[in-house]
Amino acid sequence: MAQHPVHRICLTSWELLQVFHGPVIPRQGELLLLEKDGRESKYRVERVMYKLTSHDELMATVFVEPA
């Protein structure tokens, strides 16, 4: 079983909201439902930054704002 790369979802202030694994990265403009502090909140993807890790995997940092 292949392990999926690790990505991050952050507020536009770089506050980490969630770490996720998987090949599907949210796109700019999409809505996300995220659970934080036991509550679900809706966020809109503002931008996505990609970085190559030391293991030659593409890691995405997804920046969101409350929707």
PDB file of N, CA and C in Angstrom:
ATOM      1  N   MET A   1       0.847  -1.189   0.000  1.00  0.00           N
ATOM      2  CA  MET A   1       0.000   0.000   0.000  1.00  0.00           C
ATOM      3  C   MET A   1       0.886   1.245   0.000  1.00  0.00           C
ATOM      4  N   ALA A   2       0.704   2.126  -0.967  1.00  0.00           N
ATOM      5  CA  ALA A   2       1.492   3.350  -1.071  1.00  0.00           C
ATOM      6  C   ALA A   2       0.993   4.385  -0.068  1.00  0.00           C
ATOM      7  N   GLN A   3       1.953   5.068   0.546  1.00  0.00           N
ATOM      8  CA  GLN A   3       1.587   6.123   1.491  1.00  0.00           C
ATOM      9  C   GLN A   3       1.429   7.430   0.720  1.00  0.00           C
ATOM     10  N   HIS A   4       0.340   8.138   0.991  1.00  0.00           N
ATOM     11  CA  HIS A   4       0.080   9.396   0.293  1.00  0.00           C
ATOM     12  C   HIS A   4       0.906  10.515   0.911  1.00  0.00           C
ATOM     13  N   PRO A   5       1.276  11.506   0.100  1.00  0.00           N
ATOM     14  CA  PRO A   5       2.045  12.633   0.627  1.00  0.00           C
ATOM     15  C   PRO A   5       1.254  13.430   1.663  1.00  0.00           C
ATOM     16  N   VAL A   6       1.994  14.159   2.486  1.00  0.00           N
ATOM     17  CA  VAL A   6       1.407  14.975   3.554  1.00  0.00           C
ATOM     18  C   VAL A   6       1.275  16.406   3.051  1.00  0.00           C
ATOM     19  N   HIS A   7       0.103  17.014   3.279  1.00  0.00           N
ATOM     20  CA  HIS A   7      -0.137  18.404   2.900  1.00  0.00           C
ATOM     21  C   HIS A   7      -0.657  19.160   4.127  1.00  0.00           C
ATOM     22  N   ARG A   8      -0.678  20.481   4.033  1.00  0.00           N
ATOM     23  CA  ARG A   8      -1.135  21.314   5.154  1.00  0.00           C
ATOM     24  C   ARG A   8      -2.240  22.256   4.699  1.00  0.00           C
ATOM     25  N   ILE A   9      -3.203  22.485   5.584  1.00  0.00           N
ATOM     26  CA  ILE A   9      -4.212  23.522   5.370  1.00  0.00           C
ATOM     27  C   ILE A   9      -3.986  24.576   6.443  1.00  0.00           C
ATOM     28  N   CYS A  10      -3.756  25.817   6.003  1.00  0.00           N
ATOM     29  CA  CYS A  10      -3.452  26.920   6.921  1.00  0.00           C
ATOM     30  C   CYS A  10      -4.384  28.089   6.651  1.00  0.00           C
ATOM     31  N   LEU A  11      -4.610  28.876   7.685  1.00  0.00           N
ATOM     32  CA  LEU A  11      -5.246  30.173   7.460  1.00  0.00           C
ATOM     33  C   LEU A  11      -4.257  31.049   6.706  1.00  0.00           C
ATOM     34  N   THR A  12      -4.710  32.136   6.113  1.00  0.00           N
ATOM     35  CA  THR A  12      -3.803  32.991   5.370  1.00  0.00           C
ATOM     36  C   THR A  12      -2.711  33.573   6.272  1.00  0.00           C
ATOM     37  N   SER A  13      -2.865  33.475   7.592  1.00  0.00           N
ATOM     38  CA  SER A  13      -1.848  33.943   8.531  1.00  0.00           C
ATOM     39  C   SER A  13      -0.803  32.867   8.819  1.00  0.00           C
ATOM     40  N   TRP A  14      -0.838  31.730   8.122  1.00  0.00           N
ATOM     41  CA  TRP A  14       0.041  30.577   8.321  1.00  0.00           C
ATOM     42  C   TRP A  14      -0.326  29.765   9.551  1.00  0.00           C
ATOM     43  N   GLU A  15      -1.428  30.053  10.215  1.00  0.00           N
ATOM     44  CA  GLU A  15      -1.857  29.225  11.347  1.00  0.00           C
ATOM     45  C   GLU A  15      -2.295  27.866  10.813  1.00  0.00           C
ATOM     46  N   LEU A  16      -1.639  26.814  11.279  1.00  0.00           N
ATOM     47  CA  LEU A  16      -1.949  25.472  10.796  1.00  0.00           C
ATOM     48  C   LEU A  16      -3.305  25.024  11.320  1.00  0.00           C
ATOM     49  N   LEU A  17      -4.200  24.660  10.409  1.00  0.00           N
ATOM     50  CA  LEU A  17      -5.525  24.176  10.789  1.00  0.00           C
ATOM     51  C   LEU A  17      -5.587  22.650  10.764  1.00  0.00           C
ATOM     52  N   GLN A  18      -4.944  22.061   9.775  1.00  0.00           N
ATOM     53  CA  GLN A  18      -5.080  20.623   9.595  1.00  0.00           C
ATOM     54  C   GLN A  18      -3.948  20.116   8.713  1.00  0.00           C
ATOM     55  N   VAL A  19      -3.489  18.904   9.007  1.00  0.00           N
ATOM     56  CA  VAL A  19      -2.547  18.205   8.139  1.00  0.00           C
ATOM     57  C   VAL A  19      -3.334  17.083   7.485  1.00  0.00           C
ATOM     58  N   PHE A  20      -3.160  16.896   6.190  1.00  0.00           N
ATOM     59  CA  PHE A  20      -3.897  15.828   5.526  1.00  0.00           C
ATOM     60  C   PHE A  20      -2.986  15.045   4.599  1.00  0.00           C
ATOM     61  N   HIS A  21      -3.335  13.808   4.369  1.00  0.00           N
ATOM     62  CA  HIS A  21      -2.584  12.917   3.483  1.00  0.00           C
ATOM     63  C   HIS A  21      -3.449  12.644   2.269  1.00  0.00           C
ATOM     64  N   GLY A  22      -2.846  12.596   1.121  1.00  0.00           N
ATOM     65  CA  GLY A  22      -3.617  12.208  -0.036  1.00  0.00           C
ATOM     66  C   GLY A  22      -3.147  12.854  -1.313  1.00  0.00           C
ATOM     67  N   PRO A  23      -3.564  12.294  -2.429  1.00  0.00           N
ATOM     68  CA  PRO A  23      -3.153  12.808  -3.726  1.00  0.00           C
ATOM     69  C   PRO A  23      -4.012  13.968  -4.216  1.00  0.00           C
ATOM     70  N   VAL A  24      -5.181  14.202  -3.591  1.00  0.00           N
ATOM     71  CA  VAL A  24      -6.093  15.247  -4.063  1.00  0.00           C
ATOM     72  C   VAL A  24      -5.880  16.519  -3.248  1.00  0.00           C
ATOM     73  N   ILE A  25      -5.508  17.587  -3.944  1.00  0.00           N
ATOM     74  CA  ILE A  25      -5.242  18.870  -3.299  1.00  0.00           C
ATOM     75  C   ILE A  25      -6.369  19.829  -3.673  1.00  0.00           C
ATOM     76  N   PRO A  26      -7.001  20.477  -2.683  1.00  0.00           N
ATOM     77  CA  PRO A  26      -8.076  21.435  -2.999  1.00  0.00           C
ATOM     78  C   PRO A  26      -7.561  22.548  -3.909  1.00  0.00           C
ATOM     79  N   ARG A  27      -8.432  23.048  -4.759  1.00  0.00           N
ATOM     80  CA  ARG A  27      -8.071  24.108  -5.706  1.00  0.00           C
ATOM     81  C   ARG A  27      -8.575  25.461  -5.230  1.00  0.00           C
ATOM     82  N   GLN A  28      -7.968  26.499  -5.739  1.00  0.00           N
ATOM     83  CA  GLN A  28      -8.363  27.865  -5.414  1.00  0.00           C
ATOM     84  C   GLN A  28      -9.841  28.055  -5.712  1.00  0.00           C
ATOM     85  N   GLY A  29     -10.567  28.657  -4.751  1.00  0.00           N
ATOM     86  CA  GLY A  29     -11.988  28.931  -4.908  1.00  0.00           C
ATOM     87  C   GLY A  29     -12.892  27.851  -4.349  1.00  0.00           C
ATOM     88  N   GLU A  30     -12.366  26.641  -4.102  1.00  0.00           N
ATOM     89  CA  GLU A  30     -13.195  25.563  -3.566  1.00  0.00           C
ATOM     90  C   GLU A  30     -13.527  25.811  -2.100  1.00  0.00           C
ATOM     91  N   LEU A  31     -14.648  25.254  -1.662  1.00  0.00           N
ATOM     92  CA  LEU A  31     -15.048  25.326  -0.264  1.00  0.00           C
ATOM     93  C   LEU A  31     -14.630  24.045   0.448  1.00  0.00           C
ATOM     94  N   LEU A  32     -14.152  24.201   1.683  1.00  0.00           N
ATOM     95  CA  LEU A  32     -13.760  23.064   2.506  1.00  0.00           C
ATOM     96  C   LEU A  32     -14.512  23.121   3.820  1.00  0.00           C
ATOM     97  N   LEU A  33     -14.941  21.970   4.312  1.00  0.00           N
ATOM     98  CA  LEU A  33     -15.489  21.856   5.658  1.00  0.00           C
ATOM     99  C   LEU A  33     -14.405  21.244   6.524  1.00  0.00           C
ATOM    100  N   LEU A  34     -13.937  21.994   7.522  1.00  0.00           N
ATOM    101  CA  LEU A  34     -12.877  21.515   8.397  1.00  0.00           C
ATOM    102  C   LEU A  34     -13.366  21.486   9.823  1.00  0.00           C
ATOM    103  N   GLU A  35     -12.916  20.485  10.560  1.00  0.00           N
ATOM    104  CA  GLU A  35     -13.261  20.412  11.974  1.00  0.00           C
ATOM    105  C   GLU A  35     -12.107  20.996  12.778  1.00  0.00           C
ATOM    106  N   LYS A  36     -12.435  21.947  13.647  1.00  0.00           N
ATOM    107  CA  LYS A  36     -11.444  22.575  14.522  1.00  0.00           C
ATOM    108  C   LYS A  36     -12.094  22.800  15.874  1.00  0.00           C
ATOM    109  N   ASP A  37     -11.441  22.336  16.912  1.00  0.00           N
ATOM    110  CA  ASP A  37     -11.952  22.471  18.280  1.00  0.00           C
ATOM    111  C   ASP A  37     -13.338  21.851  18.419  1.00  0.00           C
ATOM    112  N   GLY A  38     -13.555  20.736  17.732  1.00  0.00           N
ATOM    113  CA  GLY A  38     -14.824  20.019  17.858  1.00  0.00           C
ATOM    114  C   GLY A  38     -15.974  20.596  17.059  1.00  0.00           C
ATOM    115  N   ARG A  39     -15.715  21.644  16.276  1.00  0.00           N
ATOM    116  CA  ARG A  39     -16.781  22.252  15.467  1.00  0.00           C
ATOM    117  C   ARG A  39     -16.374  22.255  14.003  1.00  0.00           C
ATOM    118  N   GLU A  40     -17.347  22.095  13.122  1.00  0.00           N
ATOM    119  CA  GLU A  40     -17.079  22.183  11.696  1.00  0.00           C
ATOM    120  C   GLU A  40     -17.222  23.632  11.246  1.00  0.00           C
ATOM    121  N   SER A  41     -16.268  24.075  10.451  1.00  0.00           N
ATOM    122  CA  SER A  41     -16.307  25.423   9.899  1.00  0.00           C
ATOM    123  C   SER A  41     -16.064  25.344   8.403  1.00  0.00           C
ATOM    124  N   LYS A  42     -16.633  26.310   7.681  1.00  0.00           N
ATOM    125  CA  LYS A  42     -16.499  26.339   6.231  1.00  0.00           C
ATOM    126  C   LYS A  42     -15.421  27.359   5.857  1.00  0.00           C
ATOM    127  N   TYR A  43     -14.516  26.923   4.970  1.00  0.00           N
ATOM    128  CA  TYR A  43     -13.425  27.778   4.515  1.00  0.00           C
ATOM    129  C   TYR A  43     -13.376  27.774   2.999  1.00  0.00           C
ATOM    130  N   ARG A  44     -12.884  28.879   2.431  1.00  0.00           N
ATOM    131  CA  ARG A  44     -12.672  28.968   0.985  1.00  0.00           C
ATOM    132  C   ARG A  44     -11.167  28.984   0.730  1.00  0.00           C
ATOM    133  N   VAL A  45     -10.722  28.202  -0.250  1.00  0.00           N
ATOM    134  CA  VAL A  45      -9.308  28.137  -0.605  1.00  0.00           C
ATOM    135  C   VAL A  45      -8.921  29.428  -1.324  1.00  0.00           C
ATOM    136  N   GLU A  46      -7.934  30.130  -0.777  1.00  0.00           N
ATOM    137  CA  GLU A  46      -7.462  31.390  -1.363  1.00  0.00           C
ATOM    138  C   GLU A  46      -6.279  31.163  -2.297  1.00  0.00           C
ATOM    139  N   ARG A  47      -5.355  30.300  -1.915  1.00  0.00           N
ATOM    140  CA  ARG A  47      -4.209  29.996  -2.772  1.00  0.00           C
ATOM    141  C   ARG A  47      -3.560  28.704  -2.300  1.00  0.00           C
ATOM    142  N   VAL A  48      -2.753  28.138  -3.176  1.00  0.00           N
ATOM    143  CA  VAL A  48      -2.050  26.891  -2.880  1.00  0.00           C
ATOM    144  C   VAL A  48      -0.590  27.082  -3.262  1.00  0.00           C
ATOM    145  N   MET A  49       0.308  26.719  -2.346  1.00  0.00           N
ATOM    146  CA  MET A  49       1.749  26.782  -2.619  1.00  0.00           C
ATOM    147  C   MET A  49       2.295  25.356  -2.595  1.00  0.00           C
ATOM    148  N   TYR A  50       3.178  25.052  -3.533  1.00  0.00           N
ATOM    149  CA  TYR A  50       3.769  23.723  -3.629  1.00  0.00           C
ATOM    150  C   TYR A  50       5.256  23.793  -3.311  1.00  0.00           C
ATOM    151  N   LYS A  51       5.758  22.712  -2.684  1.00  0.00           N
ATOM    152  CA  LYS A  51       7.169  22.651  -2.324  1.00  0.00           C
ATOM    153  C   LYS A  51       7.628  21.212  -2.504  1.00  0.00           C
ATOM    154  N   LEU A  52       8.824  21.022  -3.040  1.00  0.00           N
ATOM    155  CA  LEU A  52       9.388  19.693  -3.195  1.00  0.00           C
ATOM    156  C   LEU A  52      10.104  19.332  -1.896  1.00  0.00           C
ATOM    157  N   THR A  53       9.765  18.184  -1.298  1.00  0.00           N
ATOM    158  CA  THR A  53      10.381  17.759  -0.049  1.00  0.00           C
ATOM    159  C   THR A  53      11.710  17.061  -0.324  1.00  0.00           C
ATOM    160  N   SER A  54      12.433  16.752   0.743  1.00  0.00           N
ATOM    161  CA  SER A  54      13.714  16.057   0.609  1.00  0.00           C
ATOM    162  C   SER A  54      13.544  14.642   0.059  1.00  0.00           C
ATOM    163  N   HIS A  55      12.316  14.115   0.068  1.00  0.00           N
ATOM    164  CA  HIS A  55      12.025  12.782  -0.472  1.00  0.00           C
ATOM    165  C   HIS A  55      11.442  12.871  -1.883  1.00  0.00           C
ATOM    166  N   ASP A  56      11.622  14.024  -2.529  1.00  0.00           N
ATOM    167  CA  ASP A  56      11.121  14.261  -3.885  1.00  0.00           C
ATOM    168  C   ASP A  56       9.608  14.084  -3.999  1.00  0.00           C
ATOM    169  N   GLU A  57       8.899  14.433  -2.940  1.00  0.00           N
ATOM    170  CA  GLU A  57       7.435  14.452  -2.971  1.00  0.00           C
ATOM    171  C   GLU A  57       6.990  15.907  -3.034  1.00  0.00           C
ATOM    172  N   LEU A  58       5.871  16.149  -3.691  1.00  0.00           N
ATOM    173  CA  LEU A  58       5.317  17.489  -3.770  1.00  0.00           C
ATOM    174  C   LEU A  58       4.389  17.706  -2.577  1.00  0.00           C
ATOM    175  N   MET A  59       4.708  18.683  -1.730  1.00  0.00           N
ATOM    176  CA  MET A  59       3.873  19.009  -0.586  1.00  0.00           C
ATOM    177  C   MET A  59       3.144  20.305  -0.882  1.00  0.00           C
ATOM    178  N   ALA A  60       1.854  20.342  -0.597  1.00  0.00           N
ATOM    179  CA  ALA A  60       1.046  21.538  -0.820  1.00  0.00           C
ATOM    180  C   ALA A  60       0.697  22.182   0.512  1.00  0.00           C
ATOM    181  N   THR A  61       0.785  23.501   0.562  1.00  0.00           N
ATOM    182  CA  THR A  61       0.226  24.267   1.672  1.00  0.00           C
ATOM    183  C   THR A  61      -0.973  25.016   1.094  1.00  0.00           C
ATOM    184  N   VAL A  62      -2.148  24.699   1.623  1.00  0.00           N
ATOM    185  CA  VAL A  62      -3.407  25.260   1.130  1.00  0.00           C
ATOM    186  C   VAL A  62      -3.814  26.377   2.082  1.00  0.00           C
ATOM    187  N   PHE A  63      -3.891  27.611   1.575  1.00  0.00           N
ATOM    188  CA  PHE A  63      -4.269  28.756   2.399  1.00  0.00           C
ATOM    189  C   PHE A  63      -5.762  29.007   2.253  1.00  0.00           C
ATOM    190  N   VAL A  64      -6.436  29.170   3.385  1.00  0.00           N
ATOM    191  CA  VAL A  64      -7.880  29.337   3.389  1.00  0.00           C
ATOM    192  C   VAL A  64      -8.276  30.554   4.200  1.00  0.00           C
ATOM    193  N   GLU A  65      -9.494  31.014   3.939  1.00  0.00           N
ATOM    194  CA  GLU A  65     -10.139  32.069   4.739  1.00  0.00           C
ATOM    195  C   GLU A  65     -11.523  31.581   5.090  1.00  0.00           C
ATOM    196  N   PRO A  66     -12.059  32.020   6.236  1.00  0.00           N
ATOM    197  CA  PRO A  66     -13.435  31.622   6.579  1.00  0.00           C
ATOM    198  C   PRO A  66     -14.399  32.037   5.468  1.00  0.00           C
ATOM    199  N   ALA A  67     -15.331  31.150   5.156  1.00  0.00           N
ATOM    200  CA  ALA A  67     -16.310  31.423   4.085  1.00  0.00           C
ATOM    201  C   ALA A  67     -17.593  31.962   4.666  1.00  0.00           C
TER     202      ALA A  67
END
